[in-house]
Amino acid sequence: MSDNTHAEISAQRDGDVTVPQVNYLISLYKETIKKSILKSHKNLDKSADYANFVWSKNKSRDALKGKFGIHLHVQYIPENKLTKNKVSSLINDALNSKFDFKFANSLVASCNKFKKVSS
């Protein structure tokens, strides 16, 4: 087993993003996401850490966490055709302090738009 999980994932056939990948990506991007929430995002509350990043109906360890995790997995990933390898790359970059601000801003805008439509 290699020390580089991203290299191992990239070496495999690409596929669907996993729930643990989504939760890990959101946990790494938490501060970047919070900074990306602007006053114009009326449907999001940057101070609602529990609802945004922790809450889950299902208390299982592998449940999606928070509204950003749920939105990322259910809406954003399919719309943007993200794959396991692309998410692994985002995780790897974040671990090396290379955050994709375009991704964070796009996720926040998408979540805000979705909340507006579903409210």
PDB file of N, CA and C in Angstrom:
ATOM      1  N   MET A   1       0.847  -1.183   0.000  1.00  0.00           N
ATOM      2  CA  MET A   1       0.000   0.000   0.000  1.00  0.00           C
ATOM      3  C   MET A   1       0.890   1.244   0.000  1.00  0.00           C
ATOM      4  N   SER A   2       0.617   2.129  -0.890  1.00  0.00           N
ATOM      5  CA  SER A   2       1.392   3.354  -1.042  1.00  0.00           C
ATOM      6  C   SER A   2       1.004   4.384   0.016  1.00  0.00           C
ATOM      7  N   ASP A   3       1.900   5.351   0.232  1.00  0.00           N
ATOM      8  CA  ASP A   3       1.586   6.445   1.140  1.00  0.00           C
ATOM      9  C   ASP A   3       0.714   7.497   0.464  1.00  0.00           C
ATOM     10  N   ASN A   4       0.568   7.387  -0.855  1.00  0.00           N
ATOM     11  CA  ASN A   4      -0.195   8.375  -1.601  1.00  0.00           C
ATOM     12  C   ASN A   4      -1.526   7.781  -2.069  1.00  0.00           C
ATOM     13  N   THR A   5      -2.572   8.048  -1.314  1.00  0.00           N
ATOM     14  CA  THR A   5      -3.896   7.523  -1.635  1.00  0.00           C
ATOM     15  C   THR A   5      -4.380   8.032  -2.983  1.00  0.00           C
ATOM     16  N   HIS A   6      -4.085   9.292  -3.316  1.00  0.00           N
ATOM     17  CA  HIS A   6      -4.505   9.851  -4.596  1.00  0.00           C
ATOM     18  C   HIS A   6      -3.889   9.056  -5.754  1.00  0.00           C
ATOM     19  N   ALA A   7      -2.623   8.708  -5.646  1.00  0.00           N
ATOM     20  CA  ALA A   7      -1.967   7.928  -6.709  1.00  0.00           C
ATOM     21  C   ALA A   7      -2.638   6.566  -6.862  1.00  0.00           C
ATOM     22  N   GLU A   8      -3.000   5.960  -5.747  1.00  0.00           N
ATOM     23  CA  GLU A   8      -3.676   4.659  -5.791  1.00  0.00           C
ATOM     24  C   GLU A   8      -5.048   4.783  -6.454  1.00  0.00           C
ATOM     25  N   ILE A   9      -5.804   5.806  -6.095  1.00  0.00           N
ATOM     26  CA  ILE A   9      -7.133   6.007  -6.673  1.00  0.00           C
ATOM     27  C   ILE A   9      -7.008   6.302  -8.162  1.00  0.00           C
ATOM     28  N   SER A  10      -6.056   7.151  -8.532  1.00  0.00           N
ATOM     29  CA  SER A  10      -5.870   7.519  -9.934  1.00  0.00           C
ATOM     30  C   SER A  10      -5.454   6.327 -10.788  1.00  0.00           C
ATOM     31  N   ALA A  11      -4.767   5.375 -10.187  1.00  0.00           N
ATOM     32  CA  ALA A  11      -4.309   4.193 -10.919  1.00  0.00           C
ATOM     33  C   ALA A  11      -5.455   3.225 -11.215  1.00  0.00           C
ATOM     34  N   GLN A  12      -6.541   3.353 -10.473  1.00  0.00           N
ATOM     35  CA  GLN A  12      -7.700   2.482 -10.671  1.00  0.00           C
ATOM     36  C   GLN A  12      -8.610   3.057 -11.747  1.00  0.00           C
ATOM     37  N   ARG A  13      -9.531   2.229 -12.196  1.00  0.00           N
ATOM     38  CA  ARG A  13     -10.528   2.694 -13.156  1.00  0.00           C
ATOM     39  C   ARG A  13     -11.376   3.767 -12.475  1.00  0.00           C
ATOM     40  N   ASP A  14     -11.631   4.859 -13.191  1.00  0.00           N
ATOM     41  CA  ASP A  14     -12.420   5.954 -12.637  1.00  0.00           C
ATOM     42  C   ASP A  14     -13.855   5.498 -12.413  1.00  0.00           C
ATOM     43  N   GLY A  15     -14.543   6.143 -11.477  1.00  0.00           N
ATOM     44  CA  GLY A  15     -15.908   5.739 -11.184  1.00  0.00           C
ATOM     45  C   GLY A  15     -16.641   6.794 -10.391  1.00  0.00           C
ATOM     46  N   ASP A  16     -17.638   6.328  -9.667  1.00  0.00           N
ATOM     47  CA  ASP A  16     -18.479   7.223  -8.883  1.00  0.00           C
ATOM     48  C   ASP A  16     -17.764   7.704  -7.633  1.00  0.00           C
ATOM     49  N   VAL A  17     -18.077   8.918  -7.246  1.00  0.00           N
ATOM     50  CA  VAL A  17     -17.538   9.513  -6.029  1.00  0.00           C
ATOM     51  C   VAL A  17     -18.165   8.810  -4.837  1.00  0.00           C
ATOM     52  N   THR A  18     -17.373   8.553  -3.796  1.00  0.00           N
ATOM     53  CA  THR A  18     -17.876   7.875  -2.602  1.00  0.00           C
ATOM     54  C   THR A  18     -18.272   8.891  -1.528  1.00  0.00           C
ATOM     55  N   VAL A  19     -19.125   8.465  -0.625  1.00  0.00           N
ATOM     56  CA  VAL A  19     -19.551   9.329   0.490  1.00  0.00           C
ATOM     57  C   VAL A  19     -18.351   9.746   1.353  1.00  0.00           C
ATOM     58  N   PRO A  20     -17.437   8.831   1.711  1.00  0.00           N
ATOM     59  CA  PRO A  20     -16.277   9.282   2.485  1.00  0.00           C
ATOM     60  C   PRO A  20     -15.438  10.339   1.750  1.00  0.00           C
ATOM     61  N   GLN A  21     -15.335  10.231   0.431  1.00  0.00           N
ATOM     62  CA  GLN A  21     -14.617  11.260  -0.336  1.00  0.00           C
ATOM     63  C   GLN A  21     -15.317  12.609  -0.208  1.00  0.00           C
ATOM     64  N   VAL A  22     -16.629  12.615  -0.330  1.00  0.00           N
ATOM     65  CA  VAL A  22     -17.403  13.851  -0.228  1.00  0.00           C
ATOM     66  C   VAL A  22     -17.215  14.477   1.151  1.00  0.00           C
ATOM     67  N   ASN A  23     -17.357  13.683   2.192  1.00  0.00           N
ATOM     68  CA  ASN A  23     -17.211  14.215   3.552  1.00  0.00           C
ATOM     69  C   ASN A  23     -15.808  14.759   3.793  1.00  0.00           C
ATOM     70  N   TYR A  24     -14.796  14.058   3.287  1.00  0.00           N
ATOM     71  CA  TYR A  24     -13.418  14.504   3.481  1.00  0.00           C
ATOM     72  C   TYR A  24     -13.161  15.800   2.709  1.00  0.00           C
ATOM     73  N   LEU A  25     -13.643  15.875   1.476  1.00  0.00           N
ATOM     74  CA  LEU A  25     -13.471  17.084   0.675  1.00  0.00           C
ATOM     75  C   LEU A  25     -14.132  18.274   1.361  1.00  0.00           C
ATOM     76  N   ILE A  26     -15.342  18.094   1.845  1.00  0.00           N
ATOM     77  CA  ILE A  26     -16.048  19.182   2.527  1.00  0.00           C
ATOM     78  C   ILE A  26     -15.305  19.595   3.797  1.00  0.00           C
ATOM     79  N   SER A  27     -14.788  18.630   4.545  1.00  0.00           N
ATOM     80  CA  SER A  27     -14.058  18.981   5.771  1.00  0.00           C
ATOM     81  C   SER A  27     -12.791  19.770   5.449  1.00  0.00           C
ATOM     82  N   LEU A  28     -12.113  19.433   4.358  1.00  0.00           N
ATOM     83  CA  LEU A  28     -10.911  20.167   3.962  1.00  0.00           C
ATOM     84  C   LEU A  28     -11.249  21.571   3.460  1.00  0.00           C
ATOM     85  N   TYR A  29     -12.371  21.708   2.786  1.00  0.00           N
ATOM     86  CA  TYR A  29     -12.769  22.979   2.182  1.00  0.00           C
ATOM     87  C   TYR A  29     -13.649  23.832   3.094  1.00  0.00           C
ATOM     88  N   LYS A  30     -13.886  23.406   4.312  1.00  0.00           N
ATOM     89  CA  LYS A  30     -14.829  24.101   5.196  1.00  0.00           C
ATOM     90  C   LYS A  30     -14.561  25.608   5.281  1.00  0.00           C
ATOM     91  N   GLU A  31     -13.357  26.003   5.597  1.00  0.00           N
ATOM     92  CA  GLU A  31     -13.047  27.431   5.749  1.00  0.00           C
ATOM     93  C   GLU A  31     -13.127  28.167   4.417  1.00  0.00           C
ATOM     94  N   THR A  32     -12.702  27.521   3.349  1.00  0.00           N
ATOM     95  CA  THR A  32     -12.781  28.130   2.019  1.00  0.00           C
ATOM     96  C   THR A  32     -14.235  28.334   1.616  1.00  0.00           C
ATOM     97  N   ILE A  33     -15.075  27.349   1.914  1.00  0.00           N
ATOM     98  CA  ILE A  33     -16.508  27.475   1.617  1.00  0.00           C
ATOM     99  C   ILE A  33     -17.111  28.620   2.424  1.00  0.00           C
ATOM    100  N   LYS A  34     -16.785  28.675   3.708  1.00  0.00           N
ATOM    101  CA  LYS A  34     -17.335  29.749   4.557  1.00  0.00           C
ATOM    102  C   LYS A  34     -16.932  31.124   4.027  1.00  0.00           C
ATOM    103  N   LYS A  35     -15.691  31.256   3.566  1.00  0.00           N
ATOM    104  CA  LYS A  35     -15.222  32.533   3.020  1.00  0.00           C
ATOM    105  C   LYS A  35     -15.898  32.852   1.693  1.00  0.00           C
ATOM    106  N   SER A  36     -16.390  31.845   1.011  1.00  0.00           N
ATOM    107  CA  SER A  36     -17.037  32.037  -0.294  1.00  0.00           C
ATOM    108  C   SER A  36     -18.505  32.436  -0.178  1.00  0.00           C
ATOM    109  N   ILE A  37     -19.080  32.309   1.015  1.00  0.00           N
ATOM    110  CA  ILE A  37     -20.481  32.695   1.215  1.00  0.00           C
ATOM    111  C   ILE A  37     -20.541  34.212   1.362  1.00  0.00           C
ATOM    112  N   LEU A  38     -21.198  34.839   0.415  1.00  0.00           N
ATOM    113  CA  LEU A  38     -21.300  36.296   0.383  1.00  0.00           C
ATOM    114  C   LEU A  38     -22.671  36.744   0.881  1.00  0.00           C
ATOM    115  N   LYS A  39     -22.802  38.036   1.140  1.00  0.00           N
ATOM    116  CA  LYS A  39     -24.097  38.577   1.559  1.00  0.00           C
ATOM    117  C   LYS A  39     -25.166  38.337   0.504  1.00  0.00           C
ATOM    118  N   SER A  40     -24.750  38.259  -0.747  1.00  0.00           N
ATOM    119  CA  SER A  40     -25.722  38.037  -1.828  1.00  0.00           C
ATOM    120  C   SER A  40     -26.266  36.606  -1.822  1.00  0.00           C
ATOM    121  N   HIS A  41     -25.629  35.709  -1.090  1.00  0.00           N
ATOM    122  CA  HIS A  41     -26.126  34.331  -0.954  1.00  0.00           C
ATOM    123  C   HIS A  41     -27.143  34.300   0.181  1.00  0.00           C
ATOM    124  N   LYS A  42     -28.314  34.811  -0.097  1.00  0.00           N
ATOM    125  CA  LYS A  42     -29.355  34.994   0.914  1.00  0.00           C
ATOM    126  C   LYS A  42     -29.869  33.696   1.518  1.00  0.00           C
ATOM    127  N   ASN A  43     -29.669  32.570   0.828  1.00  0.00           N
ATOM    128  CA  ASN A  43     -30.205  31.297   1.304  1.00  0.00           C
ATOM    129  C   ASN A  43     -29.202  30.476   2.111  1.00  0.00           C
ATOM    130  N   LEU A  44     -28.040  31.060   2.372  1.00  0.00           N
ATOM    131  CA  LEU A  44     -27.011  30.362   3.133  1.00  0.00           C
ATOM    132  C   LEU A  44     -26.591  31.202   4.335  1.00  0.00           C
ATOM    133  N   ASP A  45     -26.278  30.541   5.427  1.00  0.00           N
ATOM    134  CA  ASP A  45     -25.839  31.223   6.644  1.00  0.00           C
ATOM    135  C   ASP A  45     -24.444  30.728   6.980  1.00  0.00           C
ATOM    136  N   LYS A  46     -23.432  31.596   6.799  1.00  0.00           N
ATOM    137  CA  LYS A  46     -22.047  31.172   7.015  1.00  0.00           C
ATOM    138  C   LYS A  46     -21.742  30.837   8.469  1.00  0.00           C
ATOM    139  N   SER A  47     -22.586  31.282   9.401  1.00  0.00           N
ATOM    140  CA  SER A  47     -22.333  30.995  10.818  1.00  0.00           C
ATOM    141  C   SER A  47     -22.981  29.686  11.276  1.00  0.00           C
ATOM    142  N   ALA A  48     -23.706  29.014  10.395  1.00  0.00           N
ATOM    143  CA  ALA A  48     -24.414  27.781  10.758  1.00  0.00           C
ATOM    144  C   ALA A  48     -23.524  26.555  10.510  1.00  0.00           C
ATOM    145  N   ASP A  49     -22.417  26.472  11.250  1.00  0.00           N
ATOM    146  CA  ASP A  49     -21.462  25.373  11.060  1.00  0.00           C
ATOM    147  C   ASP A  49     -22.108  23.997  11.188  1.00  0.00           C
ATOM    148  N   TYR A  50     -22.925  23.807  12.200  1.00  0.00           N
ATOM    149  CA  TYR A  50     -23.521  22.486  12.423  1.00  0.00           C
ATOM    150  C   TYR A  50     -24.387  22.078  11.231  1.00  0.00           C
ATOM    151  N   ALA A  51     -25.275  22.952  10.807  1.00  0.00           N
ATOM    152  CA  ALA A  51     -26.168  22.637   9.678  1.00  0.00           C
ATOM    153  C   ALA A  51     -25.392  22.506   8.369  1.00  0.00           C
ATOM    154  N   ASN A  52     -24.396  23.334   8.180  1.00  0.00           N
ATOM    155  CA  ASN A  52     -23.650  23.333   6.923  1.00  0.00           C
ATOM    156  C   ASN A  52     -22.667  22.174   6.786  1.00  0.00           C
ATOM    157  N   PHE A  53     -22.067  21.746   7.900  1.00  0.00           N
ATOM    158  CA  PHE A  53     -20.938  20.822   7.797  1.00  0.00           C
ATOM    159  C   PHE A  53     -21.015  19.557   8.653  1.00  0.00           C
ATOM    160  N   VAL A  54     -21.946  19.461   9.587  1.00  0.00           N
ATOM    161  CA  VAL A  54     -21.952  18.332  10.522  1.00  0.00           C
ATOM    162  C   VAL A  54     -23.249  17.539  10.492  1.00  0.00           C
ATOM    163  N   TRP A  55     -24.376  18.211  10.461  1.00  0.00           N
ATOM    164  CA  TRP A  55     -25.681  17.583  10.613  1.00  0.00           C
ATOM    165  C   TRP A  55     -25.894  16.440   9.628  1.00  0.00           C
ATOM    166  N   SER A  56     -26.544  15.404  10.116  1.00  0.00           N
ATOM    167  CA  SER A  56     -26.932  14.280   9.267  1.00  0.00           C
ATOM    168  C   SER A  56     -28.141  13.595   9.878  1.00  0.00           C
ATOM    169  N   LYS A  57     -29.128  13.265   9.039  1.00  0.00           N
ATOM    170  CA  LYS A  57     -30.288  12.509   9.520  1.00  0.00           C
ATOM    171  C   LYS A  57     -29.861  11.124   9.956  1.00  0.00           C
ATOM    172  N   ASN A  58     -28.981  10.548   9.169  1.00  0.00           N
ATOM    173  CA  ASN A  58     -28.485   9.205   9.416  1.00  0.00           C
ATOM    174  C   ASN A  58     -27.219   9.309  10.262  1.00  0.00           C
ATOM    175  N   LYS A  59     -27.203   8.704  11.412  1.00  0.00           N
ATOM    176  CA  LYS A  59     -26.066   8.830  12.330  1.00  0.00           C
ATOM    177  C   LYS A  59     -24.915   7.867  12.019  1.00  0.00           C
ATOM    178  N   SER A  60     -25.017   7.145  10.915  1.00  0.00           N
ATOM    179  CA  SER A  60     -23.939   6.227  10.545  1.00  0.00           C
ATOM    180  C   SER A  60     -22.679   7.009  10.203  1.00  0.00           C
ATOM    181  N   ARG A  61     -21.557   6.379  10.402  1.00  0.00           N
ATOM    182  CA  ARG A  61     -20.265   7.012  10.149  1.00  0.00           C
ATOM    183  C   ARG A  61     -20.112   7.417   8.679  1.00  0.00           C
ATOM    184  N   ASP A  62     -20.726   6.671   7.781  1.00  0.00           N
ATOM    185  CA  ASP A  62     -20.590   6.939   6.356  1.00  0.00           C
ATOM    186  C   ASP A  62     -21.713   7.796   5.781  1.00  0.00           C
ATOM    187  N   ALA A  63     -22.478   8.465   6.639  1.00  0.00           N
ATOM    188  CA  ALA A  63     -23.562   9.323   6.159  1.00  0.00           C
ATOM    189  C   ALA A  63     -22.985  10.643   5.657  1.00  0.00           C
ATOM    190  N   LEU A  64     -23.656  11.237   4.682  1.00  0.00           N
ATOM    191  CA  LEU A  64     -23.260  12.555   4.203  1.00  0.00           C
ATOM    192  C   LEU A  64     -23.431  13.568   5.324  1.00  0.00           C
ATOM    193  N   LYS A  65     -22.506  14.500   5.426  1.00  0.00           N
ATOM    194  CA  LYS A  65     -22.506  15.465   6.519  1.00  0.00           C
ATOM    195  C   LYS A  65     -22.840  16.870   6.039  1.00  0.00           C
ATOM    196  N   GLY A  66     -23.853  17.457   6.626  1.00  0.00           N
ATOM    197  CA  GLY A  66     -24.205  18.850   6.400  1.00  0.00           C
ATOM    198  C   GLY A  66     -24.815  19.122   5.037  1.00  0.00           C
ATOM    199  N   LYS A  67     -25.385  20.322   4.908  1.00  0.00           N
ATOM    200  CA  LYS A  67     -26.065  20.666   3.656  1.00  0.00           C
ATOM    201  C   LYS A  67     -25.091  20.746   2.488  1.00  0.00           C
ATOM    202  N   PHE A  68     -23.832  21.133   2.743  1.00  0.00           N
ATOM    203  CA  PHE A  68     -22.874  21.193   1.644  1.00  0.00           C
ATOM    204  C   PHE A  68     -22.468  19.798   1.179  1.00  0.00           C
ATOM    205  N   GLY A  69     -22.297  18.870   2.104  1.00  0.00           N
ATOM    206  CA  GLY A  69     -21.978  17.490   1.726  1.00  0.00           C
ATOM    207  C   GLY A  69     -23.106  16.848   0.943  1.00  0.00           C
ATOM    208  N   ILE A  70     -24.318  17.046   1.419  1.00  0.00           N
ATOM    209  CA  ILE A  70     -25.488  16.477   0.747  1.00  0.00           C
ATOM    210  C   ILE A  70     -25.638  17.091  -0.648  1.00  0.00           C
ATOM    211  N   HIS A  71     -25.551  18.419  -0.726  1.00  0.00           N
ATOM    212  CA  HIS A  71     -25.703  19.084  -2.018  1.00  0.00           C
ATOM    213  C   HIS A  71     -24.596  18.672  -2.990  1.00  0.00           C
ATOM    214  N   LEU A  72     -23.362  18.594  -2.490  1.00  0.00           N
ATOM    215  CA  LEU A  72     -22.243  18.194  -3.339  1.00  0.00           C
ATOM    216  C   LEU A  72     -22.496  16.819  -3.954  1.00  0.00           C
ATOM    217  N   HIS A  73     -22.900  15.867  -3.135  1.00  0.00           N
ATOM    218  CA  HIS A  73     -23.077  14.490  -3.608  1.00  0.00           C
ATOM    219  C   HIS A  73     -24.316  14.314  -4.483  1.00  0.00           C
ATOM    220  N   VAL A  74     -25.416  14.926  -4.097  1.00  0.00           N
ATOM    221  CA  VAL A  74     -26.688  14.686  -4.776  1.00  0.00           C
ATOM    222  C   VAL A  74     -26.877  15.568  -6.015  1.00  0.00           C
ATOM    223  N   GLN A  75     -26.447  16.804  -5.969  1.00  0.00           N
ATOM    224  CA  GLN A  75     -26.734  17.758  -7.039  1.00  0.00           C
ATOM    225  C   GLN A  75     -25.476  18.175  -7.816  1.00  0.00           C
ATOM    226  N   TYR A  76     -24.463  18.661  -7.104  1.00  0.00           N
ATOM    227  CA  TYR A  76     -23.314  19.292  -7.759  1.00  0.00           C
ATOM    228  C   TYR A  76     -22.461  18.294  -8.550  1.00  0.00           C
ATOM    229  N   ILE A  77     -22.142  17.167  -7.963  1.00  0.00           N
ATOM    230  CA  ILE A  77     -21.293  16.179  -8.640  1.00  0.00           C
ATOM    231  C   ILE A  77     -21.941  15.681  -9.933  1.00  0.00           C
ATOM    232  N   PRO A  78     -23.215  15.257  -9.917  1.00  0.00           N
ATOM    233  CA  PRO A  78     -23.823  14.820 -11.181  1.00  0.00           C
ATOM    234  C   PRO A  78     -23.914  15.941 -12.232  1.00  0.00           C
ATOM    235  N   GLU A  79     -24.284  17.158 -11.797  1.00  0.00           N
ATOM    236  CA  GLU A  79     -24.407  18.280 -12.735  1.00  0.00           C
ATOM    237  C   GLU A  79     -23.085  18.617 -13.402  1.00  0.00           C
ATOM    238  N   ASN A  80     -22.000  18.512 -12.634  1.00  0.00           N
ATOM    239  CA  ASN A  80     -20.679  18.900 -13.130  1.00  0.00           C
ATOM    240  C   ASN A  80     -19.840  17.713 -13.574  1.00  0.00           C
ATOM    241  N   LYS A  81     -20.450  16.543 -13.578  1.00  0.00           N
ATOM    242  CA  LYS A  81     -19.814  15.314 -14.041  1.00  0.00           C
ATOM    243  C   LYS A  81     -18.456  15.056 -13.371  1.00  0.00           C
ATOM    244  N   LEU A  82     -18.420  15.274 -12.055  1.00  0.00           N
ATOM    245  CA  LEU A  82     -17.199  14.978 -11.308  1.00  0.00           C
ATOM    246  C   LEU A  82     -17.105  13.469 -11.073  1.00  0.00           C
ATOM    247  N   THR A  83     -15.906  12.967 -11.099  1.00  0.00           N
ATOM    248  CA  THR A  83     -15.665  11.536 -10.902  1.00  0.00           C
ATOM    249  C   THR A  83     -14.803  11.323  -9.659  1.00  0.00           C
ATOM    250  N   LYS A  84     -14.638  10.066  -9.317  1.00  0.00           N
ATOM    251  CA  LYS A  84     -13.811   9.689  -8.168  1.00  0.00           C
ATOM    252  C   LYS A  84     -12.398  10.267  -8.297  1.00  0.00           C
ATOM    253  N   ASN A  85     -11.818  10.196  -9.492  1.00  0.00           N
ATOM    254  CA  ASN A  85     -10.458  10.698  -9.685  1.00  0.00           C
ATOM    255  C   ASN A  85     -10.379  12.218  -9.569  1.00  0.00           C
ATOM    256  N   LYS A  86     -11.380  12.932 -10.088  1.00  0.00           N
ATOM    257  CA  LYS A  86     -11.386  14.392  -9.997  1.00  0.00           C
ATOM    258  C   LYS A  86     -11.523  14.834  -8.537  1.00  0.00           C
ATOM    259  N   VAL A  87     -12.401  14.195  -7.797  1.00  0.00           N
ATOM    260  CA  VAL A  87     -12.568  14.542  -6.379  1.00  0.00           C
ATOM    261  C   VAL A  87     -11.301  14.187  -5.605  1.00  0.00           C
ATOM    262  N   SER A  88     -10.686  13.059  -5.935  1.00  0.00           N
ATOM    263  CA  SER A  88      -9.426  12.682  -5.295  1.00  0.00           C
ATOM    264  C   SER A  88      -8.347  13.728  -5.569  1.00  0.00           C
ATOM    265  N   SER A  89      -8.344  14.271  -6.775  1.00  0.00           N
ATOM    266  CA  SER A  89      -7.393  15.320  -7.125  1.00  0.00           C
ATOM    267  C   SER A  89      -7.656  16.593  -6.312  1.00  0.00           C
ATOM    268  N   LEU A  90      -8.931  16.962  -6.150  1.00  0.00           N
ATOM    269  CA  LEU A  90      -9.275  18.128  -5.325  1.00  0.00           C
ATOM    270  C   LEU A  90      -8.826  17.918  -3.874  1.00  0.00           C
ATOM    271  N   ILE A  91      -9.020  16.703  -3.362  1.00  0.00           N
ATOM    272  CA  ILE A  91      -8.596  16.375  -1.998  1.00  0.00           C
ATOM    273  C   ILE A  91      -7.082  16.469  -1.884  1.00  0.00           C
ATOM    274  N   ASN A  92      -6.384  15.870  -2.831  1.00  0.00           N
ATOM    275  CA  ASN A  92      -4.923  15.879  -2.809  1.00  0.00           C
ATOM    276  C   ASN A  92      -4.380  17.307  -2.864  1.00  0.00           C
ATOM    277  N   ASP A  93      -4.949  18.130  -3.740  1.00  0.00           N
ATOM    278  CA  ASP A  93      -4.522  19.529  -3.826  1.00  0.00           C
ATOM    279  C   ASP A  93      -4.780  20.265  -2.517  1.00  0.00           C
ATOM    280  N   ALA A  94      -5.945  20.038  -1.907  1.00  0.00           N
ATOM    281  CA  ALA A  94      -6.267  20.704  -0.637  1.00  0.00           C
ATOM    282  C   ALA A  94      -5.299  20.275   0.464  1.00  0.00           C
ATOM    283  N   LEU A  95      -4.927  18.999   0.470  1.00  0.00           N
ATOM    284  CA  LEU A  95      -3.955  18.524   1.458  1.00  0.00           C
ATOM    285  C   LEU A  95      -2.604  19.213   1.289  1.00  0.00           C
ATOM    286  N   ASN A  96      -2.331  19.676   0.069  1.00  0.00           N
ATOM    287  CA  ASN A  96      -1.093  20.400  -0.226  1.00  0.00           C
ATOM    288  C   ASN A  96      -1.326  21.915  -0.254  1.00  0.00           C
ATOM    289  N   SER A  97      -2.411  22.349   0.383  1.00  0.00           N
ATOM    290  CA  SER A  97      -2.779  23.775   0.515  1.00  0.00           C
ATOM    291  C   SER A  97      -2.991  24.468  -0.827  1.00  0.00           C
ATOM    292  N   LYS A  98      -3.454  23.727  -1.818  1.00  0.00           N
ATOM    293  CA  LYS A  98      -3.793  24.301  -3.123  1.00  0.00           C
ATOM    294  C   LYS A  98      -5.305  24.170  -3.303  1.00  0.00           C
ATOM    295  N   PHE A  99      -6.028  25.127  -2.751  1.00  0.00           N
ATOM    296  CA  PHE A  99      -7.481  25.086  -2.811  1.00  0.00           C
ATOM    297  C   PHE A  99      -7.981  25.657  -4.135  1.00  0.00           C
ATOM    298  N   ASP A 100      -8.961  25.011  -4.705  1.00  0.00           N
ATOM    299  CA  ASP A 100      -9.567  25.440  -5.959  1.00  0.00           C
ATOM    300  C   ASP A 100     -10.727  26.380  -5.613  1.00  0.00           C
ATOM    301  N   PHE A 101     -10.452  27.681  -5.663  1.00  0.00           N
ATOM    302  CA  PHE A 101     -11.452  28.669  -5.272  1.00  0.00           C
ATOM    303  C   PHE A 101     -12.611  28.712  -6.269  1.00  0.00           C
ATOM    304  N   LYS A 102     -12.337  28.388  -7.523  1.00  0.00           N
ATOM    305  CA  LYS A 102     -13.407  28.328  -8.518  1.00  0.00           C
ATOM    306  C   LYS A 102     -14.405  27.228  -8.126  1.00  0.00           C
ATOM    307  N   PHE A 103     -13.894  26.080  -7.698  1.00  0.00           N
ATOM    308  CA  PHE A 103     -14.757  24.985  -7.239  1.00  0.00           C
ATOM    309  C   PHE A 103     -15.579  25.431  -6.029  1.00  0.00           C
ATOM    310  N   ALA A 104     -14.922  26.037  -5.029  1.00  0.00           N
ATOM    311  CA  ALA A 104     -15.617  26.462  -3.804  1.00  0.00           C
ATOM    312  C   ALA A 104     -16.708  27.481  -4.117  1.00  0.00           C
ATOM    313  N   ASN A 105     -16.385  28.471  -4.937  1.00  0.00           N
ATOM    314  CA  ASN A 105     -17.375  29.498  -5.292  1.00  0.00           C
ATOM    315  C   ASN A 105     -18.538  28.898  -6.072  1.00  0.00           C
ATOM    316  N   SER A 106     -18.225  27.984  -6.968  1.00  0.00           N
ATOM    317  CA  SER A 106     -19.257  27.331  -7.760  1.00  0.00           C
ATOM    318  C   SER A 106     -20.177  26.471  -6.888  1.00  0.00           C
ATOM    319  N   LEU A 107     -19.596  25.751  -5.925  1.00  0.00           N
ATOM    320  CA  LEU A 107     -20.387  24.929  -5.009  1.00  0.00           C
ATOM    321  C   LEU A 107     -21.316  25.797  -4.160  1.00  0.00           C
ATOM    322  N   VAL A 108     -20.788  26.890  -3.635  1.00  0.00           N
ATOM    323  CA  VAL A 108     -21.605  27.799  -2.812  1.00  0.00           C
ATOM    324  C   VAL A 108     -22.748  28.387  -3.639  1.00  0.00           C
ATOM    325  N   ALA A 109     -22.455  28.845  -4.848  1.00  0.00           N
ATOM    326  CA  ALA A 109     -23.491  29.421  -5.705  1.00  0.00           C
ATOM    327  C   ALA A 109     -24.555  28.380  -6.044  1.00  0.00           C
ATOM    328  N   SER A 110     -24.124  27.154  -6.311  1.00  0.00           N
ATOM    329  CA  SER A 110     -25.058  26.080  -6.631  1.00  0.00           C
ATOM    330  C   SER A 110     -25.944  25.743  -5.439  1.00  0.00           C
ATOM    331  N   CYS A 111     -25.345  25.664  -4.256  1.00  0.00           N
ATOM    332  CA  CYS A 111     -26.102  25.352  -3.040  1.00  0.00           C
ATOM    333  C   CYS A 111     -27.093  26.476  -2.737  1.00  0.00           C
ATOM    334  N   ASN A 112     -26.675  27.717  -2.912  1.00  0.00           N
ATOM    335  CA  ASN A 112     -27.565  28.854  -2.684  1.00  0.00           C
ATOM    336  C   ASN A 112     -28.738  28.821  -3.655  1.00  0.00           C
ATOM    337  N   LYS A 113     -28.465  28.548  -4.914  1.00  0.00           N
ATOM    338  CA  LYS A 113     -29.510  28.477  -5.938  1.00  0.00           C
ATOM    339  C   LYS A 113     -30.478  27.330  -5.635  1.00  0.00           C
ATOM    340  N   PHE A 114     -29.948  26.185  -5.244  1.00  0.00           N
ATOM    341  CA  PHE A 114     -30.771  25.025  -4.930  1.00  0.00           C
ATOM    342  C   PHE A 114     -31.685  25.318  -3.744  1.00  0.00           C
ATOM    343  N   LYS A 115     -31.136  25.926  -2.681  1.00  0.00           N
ATOM    344  CA  LYS A 115     -31.940  26.278  -1.505  1.00  0.00           C
ATOM    345  C   LYS A 115     -33.058  27.228  -1.899  1.00  0.00           C
ATOM    346  N   LYS A 116     -32.768  28.167  -2.816  1.00  0.00           N
ATOM    347  CA  LYS A 116     -33.760  29.132  -3.253  1.00  0.00           C
ATOM    348  C   LYS A 116     -34.916  28.445  -3.977  1.00  0.00           C
ATOM    349  N   VAL A 117     -34.569  27.505  -4.847  1.00  0.00           N
ATOM    350  CA  VAL A 117     -35.578  26.781  -5.627  1.00  0.00           C
ATOM    351  C   VAL A 117     -36.395  25.863  -4.728  1.00  0.00           C
ATOM    352  N   SER A 118     -35.734  25.199  -3.770  1.00  0.00           N
ATOM    353  CA  SER A 118     -36.434  24.215  -2.947  1.00  0.00           C
ATOM    354  C   SER A 118     -37.144  24.824  -1.746  1.00  0.00           C
ATOM    355  N   SER A 119     -36.922  26.086  -1.453  1.00  0.00           N
ATOM    356  CA  SER A 119     -37.542  26.712  -0.279  1.00  0.00           C
ATOM    357  C   SER A 119     -39.016  26.951  -0.486  1.00  0.00           C
TER     358      SER A 119
END
